[in-house]
Each structure stands twice: as structure tokens, then as C-alpha cells.
Amino acid sequence: MEQYELDALEAITTRPPRDYREISVAPLTPVIGAEISGVDLARLTEAQLAEVKTAFLDHHVLVFRDQEITDEQHKRFAGHFGELRPVNPPPPEGDPYVLEIKTSSAAVNVAGNAWHADGTADAEPSLGSMLYITETPEGGSGGDTLFANMHLAYEMLSPTWRGLLDGLTAVHDGYQSFRGYTVPPNYEVPVNEHPLVVRHPETDRPILYVNQAYTSRIPQLSEDESRAVLDMLFALVPHRAMLACRVRWAPNTLVFWDNRCVQHHATYDYYPLTRYGRRVAINGGPLKG
């Protein structure tokens, strides 16, 4: 690796460890993800919540295992981080804030089976999501989710590339996520422009804010230049394993990820088996470069 890449990695791996007293935090990798234990999300104390919030900013993806929670407890936990984000398009029945994640035994594909961040075509994308899986594929494996650190993806670029990208914007087009599918009736497909590099609103760390599911072009460049730059940026995550962690699901596991600085990939390796879960998302704010 180049020295600037090593420097970016070292800045994360040599951080002083936190002194957690109310929860236990076990990193999944040195750069992203942690399993949190010693906490019952149905009976979360204020002291535990404060430490969970700290761990969230440090690790970006938190895994809570062996949790027995209702939809109301799920939403209450999410509400500690911000306003709940309605499911869009809204479900025909049931709770408007709870998205059911169901896989049919006949499904040829599943939502999220590619690297992406949720809803970046919206004017104000989500802060994060909490996915609670209660049923996993028969046999005990399959359906792992991968998560990638987009702070580090940016920080490991050369100074020259970072200088170029810092002044650009990117168009995020919701139609891209419907390629091959029918747009739901009465759904207004969002299209919005965001800085190509944004800053995390709580830590001020830069984030490479592009993903293949939604980002369509860089308007400051020609069509050919835009395609070349975006293709290079899209390739960073799948080609750099060090950016990512892999979460293996078990029944009654809740995973909370920071949608602002994380991409994820729901692996569909369990056809024709099925799984089931429920997701609650949290509203974010406008993104700033």
C-alpha cells in the first residue's frame, strides 16, 4: 500500500480504546463493526444508551444478539437517535414505520443484493437503519450482510484524487434502483444532487458519498469523464475487502448501521430458503460538503 493509505488505516487502528462501563463492545474488524453485549434493548438504561451512541459513532455498525423486542420497543430504541422515517412507499397495511423484510421461496433476487446506501436519492437521506431478523434460512447459515466504511474509502484515496473529488457533486436518481422492476403506483421517484464528498454531521469526518444503486452522474464532468470516475469509485468497496465487515445473522439479532457513512450488501446465497425480519429507519438531515 501507499503511505497515505497506511496513514489512513493507522489513524483508525491506533485509536485509544474506550472505557465502557455499562456495555461490552467487541469489534468485528479494526475498521468497522462491533458486537454489543450486556444490554437488553427492551430495558435500555440512560447510561447504556449513552455508551451505545458513542460506540455507534466509533464503529458505524452495531450488532445486538439474543434480543426479544416488540415493534414498539424496536421503534422506541430507534427514536433515541432521531425522528422515525416512514416506509416509502407506505405498506398497504400494518405499521407505517416498520418495513417487513420477507424472502419468498420463489424470489429470483432480494432487495439490497448489491452494494448501496439506503435512499440517497432523497433530499434528506436516512441517518440509519435498525434491522431485526427473527427467522434465518433453514440450515443455520446464509443471508449475511456486508458493511463497508466509506470514511476509510475516501481517506485511502490519493491526495490528488481527494482534491479533485472535494469540489464535485453527484446526482442520485431513484429510478436506478427500479431497473428491471415496476415503480409502485403513486410513488414519486426522488432525484437529488449531493456533494460527492460529505461531512458526517456529528464527527465532521469526510465520507465518499456515492453508490452504484443511486448515483447516476457527476454534472461538473463530461458524460465519459463522469462514467469513468464513478466506475472507479464504485469499484472501491468490492475490490477492497479491508473496508468491510460481515455480519452473520442468527434469530433475534438486531443490527444498527449508520447510513450516512456505511454501504451495505445483503447477500442472497440461500435460494430457495427464506428469512424474515423488520426494519425501522431514522430520519437524517441535509448533507453538507
C-alpha atoms as a PDB file:
ATOM      1  CA  MET A   1       0.000   0.000   0.000  1.00  0.00           C
ATOM      2  CA  GLU A   2       0.974   3.630  -0.457  1.00  0.00           C
ATOM      3  CA  GLN A   3       1.995   5.615   2.600  1.00  0.00           C
ATOM      4  CA  TYR A   4      -1.184   7.736   2.535  1.00  0.00           C
ATOM      5  CA  GLU A   5      -3.229   4.504   2.622  1.00  0.00           C
ATOM      6  CA  LEU A   6      -1.230   3.189   5.552  1.00  0.00           C
ATOM      7  CA  ASP A   7      -1.634   6.520   7.344  1.00  0.00           C
ATOM      8  CA  ALA A   8      -5.436   6.367   6.918  1.00  0.00           C
ATOM      9  CA  LEU A   9      -5.531   2.837   8.282  1.00  0.00           C
ATOM     10  CA  GLU A  10      -3.207   3.636  11.168  1.00  0.00           C
ATOM     11  CA  ALA A  11      -5.374   6.574  12.257  1.00  0.00           C
ATOM     12  CA  ILE A  12      -8.196   4.111  12.963  1.00  0.00           C
ATOM     13  CA  THR A  13      -6.321   1.091  14.267  1.00  0.00           C
ATOM     14  CA  THR A  14      -4.262   3.057  16.808  1.00  0.00           C
ATOM     15  CA  ARG A  15      -7.146   4.981  18.400  1.00  0.00           C
ATOM     16  CA  PRO A  16      -7.075   4.695  22.204  1.00  0.00           C
ATOM     17  CA  PRO A  17      -9.689   2.155  23.385  1.00  0.00           C
ATOM     18  CA  ARG A  18     -12.866   3.455  25.005  1.00  0.00           C
ATOM     19  CA  ASP A  19     -13.552   2.761  28.655  1.00  0.00           C
ATOM     20  CA  TYR A  20     -17.029   1.236  28.511  1.00  0.00           C
ATOM     21  CA  ARG A  21     -18.611   0.564  31.886  1.00  0.00           C
ATOM     22  CA  GLU A  22     -22.274  -0.150  31.072  1.00  0.00           C
ATOM     23  CA  ILE A  23     -21.922  -2.307  27.936  1.00  0.00           C
ATOM     24  CA  SER A  24     -19.363  -4.632  26.356  1.00  0.00           C
ATOM     25  CA  VAL A  25     -18.030  -3.759  22.883  1.00  0.00           C
ATOM     26  CA  ALA A  26     -16.199  -6.353  20.749  1.00  0.00           C
ATOM     27  CA  PRO A  27     -15.014  -5.001  17.360  1.00  0.00           C
ATOM     28  CA  LEU A  28     -15.806  -7.138  14.313  1.00  0.00           C
ATOM     29  CA  THR A  29     -12.776  -5.701  12.465  1.00  0.00           C
ATOM     30  CA  PRO A  30     -10.348  -2.926  13.377  1.00  0.00           C
ATOM     31  CA  VAL A  31     -12.092  -0.513  10.960  1.00  0.00           C
ATOM     32  CA  ILE A  32     -15.841  -1.221  11.099  1.00  0.00           C
ATOM     33  CA  GLY A  33     -18.464  -3.014  13.158  1.00  0.00           C
ATOM     34  CA  ALA A  34     -18.838  -4.146  16.764  1.00  0.00           C
ATOM     35  CA  GLU A  35     -20.929  -6.639  18.704  1.00  0.00           C
ATOM     36  CA  ILE A  36     -22.598  -5.118  21.758  1.00  0.00           C
ATOM     37  CA  SER A  37     -23.425  -7.309  24.756  1.00  0.00           C
ATOM     38  CA  GLY A  38     -24.585  -6.773  28.299  1.00  0.00           C
ATOM     39  CA  VAL A  39     -27.674  -4.864  27.200  1.00  0.00           C
ATOM     40  CA  ASP A  40     -31.371  -5.665  26.836  1.00  0.00           C
ATOM     41  CA  LEU A  41     -32.841  -3.325  24.224  1.00  0.00           C
ATOM     42  CA  ALA A  42     -36.281  -3.708  25.784  1.00  0.00           C
ATOM     43  CA  ARG A  43     -34.948  -2.285  29.068  1.00  0.00           C
ATOM     44  CA  LEU A  44     -32.201   0.099  27.994  1.00  0.00           C
ATOM     45  CA  THR A  45     -30.911   2.454  30.691  1.00  0.00           C
ATOM     46  CA  GLU A  46     -29.797   6.034  30.049  1.00  0.00           C
ATOM     47  CA  ALA A  47     -26.214   5.156  30.923  1.00  0.00           C
ATOM     48  CA  GLN A  48     -26.235   2.222  28.494  1.00  0.00           C
ATOM     49  CA  LEU A  49     -27.797   4.377  25.768  1.00  0.00           C
ATOM     50  CA  ALA A  50     -25.071   6.990  26.114  1.00  0.00           C
ATOM     51  CA  GLU A  51     -22.395   4.341  25.602  1.00  0.00           C
ATOM     52  CA  VAL A  52     -24.277   2.795  22.669  1.00  0.00           C
ATOM     53  CA  LYS A  53     -24.307   6.223  20.990  1.00  0.00           C
ATOM     54  CA  THR A  54     -20.547   6.529  21.480  1.00  0.00           C
ATOM     55  CA  ALA A  55     -19.940   3.049  20.065  1.00  0.00           C
ATOM     56  CA  PHE A  56     -22.176   3.855  17.084  1.00  0.00           C
ATOM     57  CA  LEU A  57     -20.033   6.830  16.076  1.00  0.00           C
ATOM     58  CA  ASP A  58     -16.832   4.857  16.562  1.00  0.00           C
ATOM     59  CA  HIS A  59     -17.816   1.616  14.812  1.00  0.00           C
ATOM     60  CA  HIS A  60     -20.690   2.651  12.458  1.00  0.00           C
ATOM     61  CA  VAL A  61     -22.332  -0.813  12.639  1.00  0.00           C
ATOM     62  CA  LEU A  62     -23.584  -2.299  15.922  1.00  0.00           C
ATOM     63  CA  VAL A  63     -24.773  -5.899  16.368  1.00  0.00           C
ATOM     64  CA  PHE A  64     -27.087  -6.828  19.257  1.00  0.00           C
ATOM     65  CA  ARG A  65     -27.764 -10.548  19.663  1.00  0.00           C
ATOM     66  CA  ASP A  66     -30.394 -12.508  21.621  1.00  0.00           C
ATOM     67  CA  GLN A  67     -32.868  -9.633  21.751  1.00  0.00           C
ATOM     68  CA  GLU A  68     -36.580 -10.188  22.364  1.00  0.00           C
ATOM     69  CA  ILE A  69     -38.307  -6.953  21.339  1.00  0.00           C
ATOM     70  CA  THR A  70     -41.728  -5.913  20.093  1.00  0.00           C
ATOM     71  CA  ASP A  71     -42.312  -3.452  17.265  1.00  0.00           C
ATOM     72  CA  GLU A  72     -42.994  -0.731  19.836  1.00  0.00           C
ATOM     73  CA  GLN A  73     -39.707  -1.440  21.645  1.00  0.00           C
ATOM     74  CA  HIS A  74     -37.918  -1.513  18.297  1.00  0.00           C
ATOM     75  CA  LYS A  75     -39.320   1.924  17.410  1.00  0.00           C
ATOM     76  CA  ARG A  76     -38.576   3.294  20.876  1.00  0.00           C
ATOM     77  CA  PHE A  77     -34.916   2.306  20.560  1.00  0.00           C
ATOM     78  CA  ALA A  78     -34.720   3.945  17.122  1.00  0.00           C
ATOM     79  CA  GLY A  79     -36.434   7.061  18.465  1.00  0.00           C
ATOM     80  CA  HIS A  80     -33.480   7.730  20.771  1.00  0.00           C
ATOM     81  CA  PHE A  81     -31.435   8.601  17.657  1.00  0.00           C
ATOM     82  CA  GLY A  82     -33.944  10.781  15.817  1.00  0.00           C
ATOM     83  CA  GLU A  83     -37.345  11.033  14.207  1.00  0.00           C
ATOM     84  CA  LEU A  84     -38.645   7.772  12.759  1.00  0.00           C
ATOM     85  CA  ARG A  85     -38.634   7.606   8.960  1.00  0.00           C
ATOM     86  CA  PRO A  86     -41.861   6.358   7.324  1.00  0.00           C
ATOM     87  CA  VAL A  87     -41.611   3.425   4.932  1.00  0.00           C
ATOM     88  CA  ASN A  88     -41.709   4.735   1.359  1.00  0.00           C
ATOM     89  CA  PRO A  89     -43.790   3.720  -0.469  1.00  0.00           C
ATOM     90  CA  PRO A  90     -46.032   3.081   2.539  1.00  0.00           C
ATOM     91  CA  PRO A  91     -47.108  -0.512   3.210  1.00  0.00           C
ATOM     92  CA  PRO A  92     -50.700  -1.326   2.235  1.00  0.00           C
ATOM     93  CA  GLU A  93     -51.362  -2.402   5.828  1.00  0.00           C
ATOM     94  CA  GLY A  94     -49.566  -2.539   9.157  1.00  0.00           C
ATOM     95  CA  ASP A  95     -47.284  -0.040  10.865  1.00  0.00           C
ATOM     96  CA  PRO A  96     -46.156   2.791   8.525  1.00  0.00           C
ATOM     97  CA  TYR A  97     -42.730   2.888  10.232  1.00  0.00           C
ATOM     98  CA  VAL A  98     -41.967  -0.843  10.107  1.00  0.00           C
ATOM     99  CA  LEU A  99     -40.738  -2.414   6.863  1.00  0.00           C
ATOM    100  CA  GLU A 100     -41.188  -6.163   6.728  1.00  0.00           C
ATOM    101  CA  ILE A 101     -38.205  -7.951   5.175  1.00  0.00           C
ATOM    102  CA  LYS A 102     -39.599 -11.175   3.734  1.00  0.00           C
ATOM    103  CA  THR A 103     -37.957 -13.502   1.252  1.00  0.00           C
ATOM    104  CA  SER A 104     -40.201 -15.714  -0.848  1.00  0.00           C
ATOM    105  CA  SER A 105     -39.016 -19.216  -1.696  1.00  0.00           C
ATOM    106  CA  ALA A 106     -39.589 -18.274  -5.352  1.00  0.00           C
ATOM    107  CA  ALA A 107     -37.638 -14.987  -5.265  1.00  0.00           C
ATOM    108  CA  VAL A 108     -35.084 -14.634  -8.060  1.00  0.00           C
ATOM    109  CA  ASN A 109     -33.468 -11.729  -6.208  1.00  0.00           C
ATOM    110  CA  VAL A 110     -33.868  -9.792  -2.948  1.00  0.00           C
ATOM    111  CA  ALA A 111     -33.743  -6.104  -2.090  1.00  0.00           C
ATOM    112  CA  GLY A 112     -30.274  -4.916  -1.188  1.00  0.00           C
ATOM    113  CA  ASN A 113     -28.372  -7.653  -3.034  1.00  0.00           C
ATOM    114  CA  ALA A 114     -25.693  -5.180  -4.203  1.00  0.00           C
ATOM    115  CA  TRP A 115     -23.527  -2.550  -2.544  1.00  0.00           C
ATOM    116  CA  HIS A 116     -25.595   0.549  -1.708  1.00  0.00           C
ATOM    117  CA  ALA A 117     -26.718   3.035   0.931  1.00  0.00           C
ATOM    118  CA  ASP A 118     -30.440   3.424   1.575  1.00  0.00           C
ATOM    119  CA  GLY A 119     -32.414   6.181  -0.115  1.00  0.00           C
ATOM    120  CA  THR A 120     -29.579   8.502  -1.123  1.00  0.00           C
ATOM    121  CA  ALA A 121     -31.774   9.891  -3.910  1.00  0.00           C
ATOM    122  CA  ASP A 122     -33.901  11.586  -1.238  1.00  0.00           C
ATOM    123  CA  ALA A 123     -33.272  15.234  -0.410  1.00  0.00           C
ATOM    124  CA  GLU A 124     -32.502  14.178   3.184  1.00  0.00           C
ATOM    125  CA  PRO A 125     -31.342  10.533   3.280  1.00  0.00           C
ATOM    126  CA  SER A 126     -31.743   8.475   6.425  1.00  0.00           C
ATOM    127  CA  LEU A 127     -29.452   8.659   9.448  1.00  0.00           C
ATOM    128  CA  GLY A 128     -29.501   4.910   9.800  1.00  0.00           C
ATOM    129  CA  SER A 129     -31.481   1.699   9.916  1.00  0.00           C
ATOM    130  CA  MET A 130     -32.185  -0.952  12.544  1.00  0.00           C
ATOM    131  CA  LEU A 131     -32.874  -4.373  11.049  1.00  0.00           C
ATOM    132  CA  TYR A 132     -34.211  -7.027  13.416  1.00  0.00           C
ATOM    133  CA  ILE A 133     -34.066 -10.556  11.975  1.00  0.00           C
ATOM    134  CA  THR A 134     -36.223 -13.175  13.700  1.00  0.00           C
ATOM    135  CA  GLU A 135     -36.112 -16.028  11.149  1.00  0.00           C
ATOM    136  CA  THR A 136     -32.985 -17.128   9.287  1.00  0.00           C
ATOM    137  CA  PRO A 137     -32.612 -19.636   6.428  1.00  0.00           C
ATOM    138  CA  GLU A 138     -33.120 -23.252   7.393  1.00  0.00           C
ATOM    139  CA  GLY A 139     -29.767 -24.883   7.932  1.00  0.00           C
ATOM    140  CA  GLY A 140     -28.287 -22.150  10.086  1.00  0.00           C
ATOM    141  CA  SER A 141     -26.387 -20.055   7.547  1.00  0.00           C
ATOM    142  CA  GLY A 142     -26.916 -17.762   4.574  1.00  0.00           C
ATOM    143  CA  GLY A 143     -28.062 -14.197   4.105  1.00  0.00           C
ATOM    144  CA  ASP A 144     -25.076 -12.491   5.738  1.00  0.00           C
ATOM    145  CA  THR A 145     -24.896  -8.707   5.356  1.00  0.00           C
ATOM    146  CA  LEU A 146     -21.660  -6.934   4.474  1.00  0.00           C
ATOM    147  CA  PHE A 147     -20.962  -3.364   5.607  1.00  0.00           C
ATOM    148  CA  ALA A 148     -18.254  -1.011   4.291  1.00  0.00           C
ATOM    149  CA  ASN A 149     -16.653   2.061   5.891  1.00  0.00           C
ATOM    150  CA  MET A 150     -16.989   4.988   3.462  1.00  0.00           C
ATOM    151  CA  HIS A 151     -14.900   7.271   5.683  1.00  0.00           C
ATOM    152  CA  LEU A 152     -11.958   4.972   5.082  1.00  0.00           C
ATOM    153  CA  ALA A 153     -12.820   4.564   1.380  1.00  0.00           C
ATOM    154  CA  TYR A 154     -12.286   8.318   0.996  1.00  0.00           C
ATOM    155  CA  GLU A 155      -9.290   8.591   3.310  1.00  0.00           C
ATOM    156  CA  MET A 156      -7.387   5.857   1.427  1.00  0.00           C
ATOM    157  CA  LEU A 157      -7.620   7.744  -1.883  1.00  0.00           C
ATOM    158  CA  SER A 158      -4.543   9.642  -3.008  1.00  0.00           C
ATOM    159  CA  PRO A 159      -4.351  13.339  -2.046  1.00  0.00           C
ATOM    160  CA  THR A 160      -4.689  14.231  -5.737  1.00  0.00           C
ATOM    161  CA  TRP A 161      -7.929  12.253  -6.094  1.00  0.00           C
ATOM    162  CA  ARG A 162      -9.321  13.691  -2.874  1.00  0.00           C
ATOM    163  CA  GLY A 163      -8.562  17.198  -4.120  1.00  0.00           C
ATOM    164  CA  LEU A 164     -10.466  16.548  -7.347  1.00  0.00           C
ATOM    165  CA  LEU A 165     -13.494  14.979  -5.685  1.00  0.00           C
ATOM    166  CA  ASP A 166     -13.897  17.561  -2.918  1.00  0.00           C
ATOM    167  CA  GLY A 167     -15.319  20.171  -5.285  1.00  0.00           C
ATOM    168  CA  LEU A 168     -17.782  17.964  -7.152  1.00  0.00           C
ATOM    169  CA  THR A 169     -21.411  16.952  -6.711  1.00  0.00           C
ATOM    170  CA  ALA A 170     -23.279  13.837  -7.821  1.00  0.00           C
ATOM    171  CA  VAL A 171     -26.850  13.235  -8.945  1.00  0.00           C
ATOM    172  CA  HIS A 172     -28.654  10.441  -7.092  1.00  0.00           C
ATOM    173  CA  ASP A 173     -31.553   9.097  -9.148  1.00  0.00           C
ATOM    174  CA  GLY A 174     -34.192   6.879  -7.575  1.00  0.00           C
ATOM    175  CA  TYR A 175     -35.125   5.410 -10.959  1.00  0.00           C
ATOM    176  CA  GLN A 176     -31.849   3.478 -10.961  1.00  0.00           C
ATOM    177  CA  SER A 177     -32.977   1.304  -8.076  1.00  0.00           C
ATOM    178  CA  PHE A 178     -36.064   0.245 -10.060  1.00  0.00           C
ATOM    179  CA  ARG A 179     -34.199  -1.022 -13.113  1.00  0.00           C
ATOM    180  CA  GLY A 180     -35.915  -4.263 -14.089  1.00  0.00           C
ATOM    181  CA  TYR A 181     -38.815  -3.595 -11.681  1.00  0.00           C
ATOM    182  CA  THR A 182     -42.109  -1.718 -11.855  1.00  0.00           C
ATOM    183  CA  VAL A 183     -42.305   1.588  -9.976  1.00  0.00           C
ATOM    184  CA  PRO A 184     -45.063   1.304  -7.318  1.00  0.00           C
ATOM    185  CA  PRO A 185     -48.219   3.306  -8.103  1.00  0.00           C
ATOM    186  CA  ASN A 186     -48.453   6.801  -6.594  1.00  0.00           C
ATOM    187  CA  TYR A 187     -44.732   6.759  -5.773  1.00  0.00           C
ATOM    188  CA  GLU A 188     -42.833   9.916  -6.675  1.00  0.00           C
ATOM    189  CA  VAL A 189     -39.343   8.779  -7.579  1.00  0.00           C
ATOM    190  CA  PRO A 190     -36.808  11.158  -5.983  1.00  0.00           C
ATOM    191  CA  VAL A 191     -33.849  12.689  -7.806  1.00  0.00           C
ATOM    192  CA  ASN A 192     -31.441  14.908  -5.870  1.00  0.00           C
ATOM    193  CA  GLU A 193     -27.912  16.276  -6.069  1.00  0.00           C
ATOM    194  CA  HIS A 194     -25.478  15.873  -3.150  1.00  0.00           C
ATOM    195  CA  PRO A 195     -21.810  16.715  -2.631  1.00  0.00           C
ATOM    196  CA  LEU A 196     -19.659  13.847  -3.794  1.00  0.00           C
ATOM    197  CA  VAL A 197     -17.783  14.119  -0.503  1.00  0.00           C
ATOM    198  CA  VAL A 198     -19.922  14.975   2.531  1.00  0.00           C
ATOM    199  CA  ARG A 199     -19.032  15.518   6.174  1.00  0.00           C
ATOM    200  CA  HIS A 200     -20.517  13.485   8.987  1.00  0.00           C
ATOM    201  CA  PRO A 201     -22.795  15.849  10.949  1.00  0.00           C
ATOM    202  CA  GLU A 202     -21.623  14.525  14.328  1.00  0.00           C
ATOM    203  CA  THR A 203     -17.916  13.786  13.795  1.00  0.00           C
ATOM    204  CA  ASP A 204     -17.104  16.067  10.821  1.00  0.00           C
ATOM    205  CA  ARG A 205     -15.147  13.236   9.167  1.00  0.00           C
ATOM    206  CA  PRO A 206     -15.306  13.219   5.330  1.00  0.00           C
ATOM    207  CA  ILE A 207     -17.335  10.493   3.585  1.00  0.00           C
ATOM    208  CA  LEU A 208     -17.180   9.302  -0.013  1.00  0.00           C
ATOM    209  CA  TYR A 209     -20.872   9.643  -0.831  1.00  0.00           C
ATOM    210  CA  VAL A 210     -21.525   7.608  -3.989  1.00  0.00           C
ATOM    211  CA  ASN A 211     -23.151   4.229  -4.502  1.00  0.00           C
ATOM    212  CA  GLN A 212     -23.973   2.263  -7.610  1.00  0.00           C
ATOM    213  CA  ALA A 213     -27.649   1.799  -6.731  1.00  0.00           C
ATOM    214  CA  TYR A 214     -28.473   5.512  -6.922  1.00  0.00           C
ATOM    215  CA  THR A 215     -25.580   7.690  -8.150  1.00  0.00           C
ATOM    216  CA  SER A 216     -26.044   8.409 -11.866  1.00  0.00           C
ATOM    217  CA  ARG A 217     -23.628  11.173 -12.887  1.00  0.00           C
ATOM    218  CA  ILE A 218     -21.258  13.962 -11.873  1.00  0.00           C
ATOM    219  CA  PRO A 219     -22.650  17.101 -13.555  1.00  0.00           C
ATOM    220  CA  GLN A 220     -19.356  19.028 -13.496  1.00  0.00           C
ATOM    221  CA  LEU A 221     -17.748  16.433 -15.817  1.00  0.00           C
ATOM    222  CA  SER A 222     -18.490  15.263 -19.342  1.00  0.00           C
ATOM    223  CA  GLU A 223     -20.559  12.114 -19.696  1.00  0.00           C
ATOM    224  CA  ASP A 224     -17.499   9.984 -20.448  1.00  0.00           C
ATOM    225  CA  GLU A 225     -15.459  11.545 -17.622  1.00  0.00           C
ATOM    226  CA  SER A 226     -18.333  11.100 -15.174  1.00  0.00           C
ATOM    227  CA  ARG A 227     -18.748   7.438 -16.104  1.00  0.00           C
ATOM    228  CA  ALA A 228     -15.031   6.756 -15.732  1.00  0.00           C
ATOM    229  CA  VAL A 229     -14.786   8.444 -12.328  1.00  0.00           C
ATOM    230  CA  LEU A 230     -17.947   6.822 -10.963  1.00  0.00           C
ATOM    231  CA  ASP A 231     -16.931   3.369 -12.180  1.00  0.00           C
ATOM    232  CA  MET A 232     -13.618   3.743 -10.364  1.00  0.00           C
ATOM    233  CA  LEU A 233     -15.337   4.886  -7.169  1.00  0.00           C
ATOM    234  CA  PHE A 234     -17.983   2.143  -7.347  1.00  0.00           C
ATOM    235  CA  ALA A 235     -15.209  -0.454  -7.602  1.00  0.00           C
ATOM    236  CA  LEU A 236     -13.509   0.637  -4.373  1.00  0.00           C
ATOM    237  CA  VAL A 237     -15.766  -1.276  -1.989  1.00  0.00           C
ATOM    238  CA  PRO A 238     -15.990  -4.676  -3.743  1.00  0.00           C
ATOM    239  CA  HIS A 239     -12.262  -4.613  -4.527  1.00  0.00           C
ATOM    240  CA  ARG A 240     -11.038  -3.588  -1.071  1.00  0.00           C
ATOM    241  CA  ALA A 241     -12.009  -6.223   1.473  1.00  0.00           C
ATOM    242  CA  MET A 242     -10.380  -4.249   4.305  1.00  0.00           C
ATOM    243  CA  LEU A 243     -13.174  -1.669   4.132  1.00  0.00           C
ATOM    244  CA  ALA A 244     -15.834  -4.183   5.137  1.00  0.00           C
ATOM    245  CA  CYS A 245     -17.104  -6.434   7.887  1.00  0.00           C
ATOM    246  CA  ARG A 246     -19.514  -9.346   7.524  1.00  0.00           C
ATOM    247  CA  VAL A 247     -22.418  -9.909   9.921  1.00  0.00           C
ATOM    248  CA  ARG A 248     -23.780 -13.433  10.231  1.00  0.00           C
ATOM    249  CA  TRP A 249     -27.395 -13.382  11.258  1.00  0.00           C
ATOM    250  CA  ALA A 250     -28.996 -15.532  13.937  1.00  0.00           C
ATOM    251  CA  PRO A 251     -32.614 -15.335  15.092  1.00  0.00           C
ATOM    252  CA  ASN A 252     -33.364 -12.332  17.308  1.00  0.00           C
ATOM    253  CA  THR A 253     -30.376 -10.294  16.126  1.00  0.00           C
ATOM    254  CA  LEU A 254     -30.695  -6.521  15.629  1.00  0.00           C
ATOM    255  CA  VAL A 255     -28.124  -4.625  13.553  1.00  0.00           C
ATOM    256  CA  PHE A 256     -27.971  -0.828  13.579  1.00  0.00           C
ATOM    257  CA  TRP A 257     -25.903   0.884  10.886  1.00  0.00           C
ATOM    258  CA  ASP A 258     -25.033   4.498  10.086  1.00  0.00           C
ATOM    259  CA  ASN A 259     -26.464   5.045   6.614  1.00  0.00           C
ATOM    260  CA  ARG A 260     -24.511   8.271   6.225  1.00  0.00           C
ATOM    261  CA  CYS A 261     -21.067   6.654   6.219  1.00  0.00           C
ATOM    262  CA  VAL A 262     -21.756   2.961   5.511  1.00  0.00           C
ATOM    263  CA  GLN A 263     -22.678   0.988   2.434  1.00  0.00           C
ATOM    264  CA  HIS A 264     -24.161  -2.475   2.821  1.00  0.00           C
ATOM    265  CA  HIS A 265     -24.806  -5.581   0.743  1.00  0.00           C
ATOM    266  CA  ALA A 266     -27.465  -8.183   1.599  1.00  0.00           C
ATOM    267  CA  THR A 267     -26.045 -11.455   0.326  1.00  0.00           C
ATOM    268  CA  TYR A 268     -28.592 -13.671  -1.437  1.00  0.00           C
ATOM    269  CA  ASP A 269     -26.891 -17.045  -1.132  1.00  0.00           C
ATOM    270  CA  TYR A 270     -29.769 -19.031   0.354  1.00  0.00           C
ATOM    271  CA  TYR A 271     -32.240 -19.603  -2.531  1.00  0.00           C
ATOM    272  CA  PRO A 272     -34.812 -21.181  -2.280  1.00  0.00           C
ATOM    273  CA  LEU A 273     -34.775 -20.835   1.512  1.00  0.00           C
ATOM    274  CA  THR A 274     -36.369 -17.864   3.297  1.00  0.00           C
ATOM    275  CA  ARG A 275     -35.788 -15.396   6.090  1.00  0.00           C
ATOM    276  CA  TYR A 276     -37.863 -12.754   7.880  1.00  0.00           C
ATOM    277  CA  GLY A 277     -37.209  -9.535   9.735  1.00  0.00           C
ATOM    278  CA  ARG A 278     -38.405  -5.990  10.361  1.00  0.00           C
ATOM    279  CA  ARG A 279     -36.591  -2.723   9.716  1.00  0.00           C
ATOM    280  CA  VAL A 280     -37.070   0.696  11.277  1.00  0.00           C
ATOM    281  CA  ALA A 281     -35.250   3.682   9.778  1.00  0.00           C
ATOM    282  CA  ILE A 282     -34.368   7.070  11.258  1.00  0.00           C
ATOM    283  CA  ASN A 283     -34.566  10.433   9.518  1.00  0.00           C
ATOM    284  CA  GLY A 284     -31.377  12.317   8.772  1.00  0.00           C
ATOM    285  CA  GLY A 285     -30.766  15.913   7.800  1.00  0.00           C
ATOM    286  CA  PRO A 286     -29.382  17.703   4.745  1.00  0.00           C
ATOM    287  CA  LEU A 287     -25.905  16.631   3.687  1.00  0.00           C
ATOM    288  CA  LYS A 288     -23.090  19.169   3.624  1.00  0.00           C
ATOM    289  CA  GLY A 289     -19.756  19.056   1.865  1.00  0.00           C
END
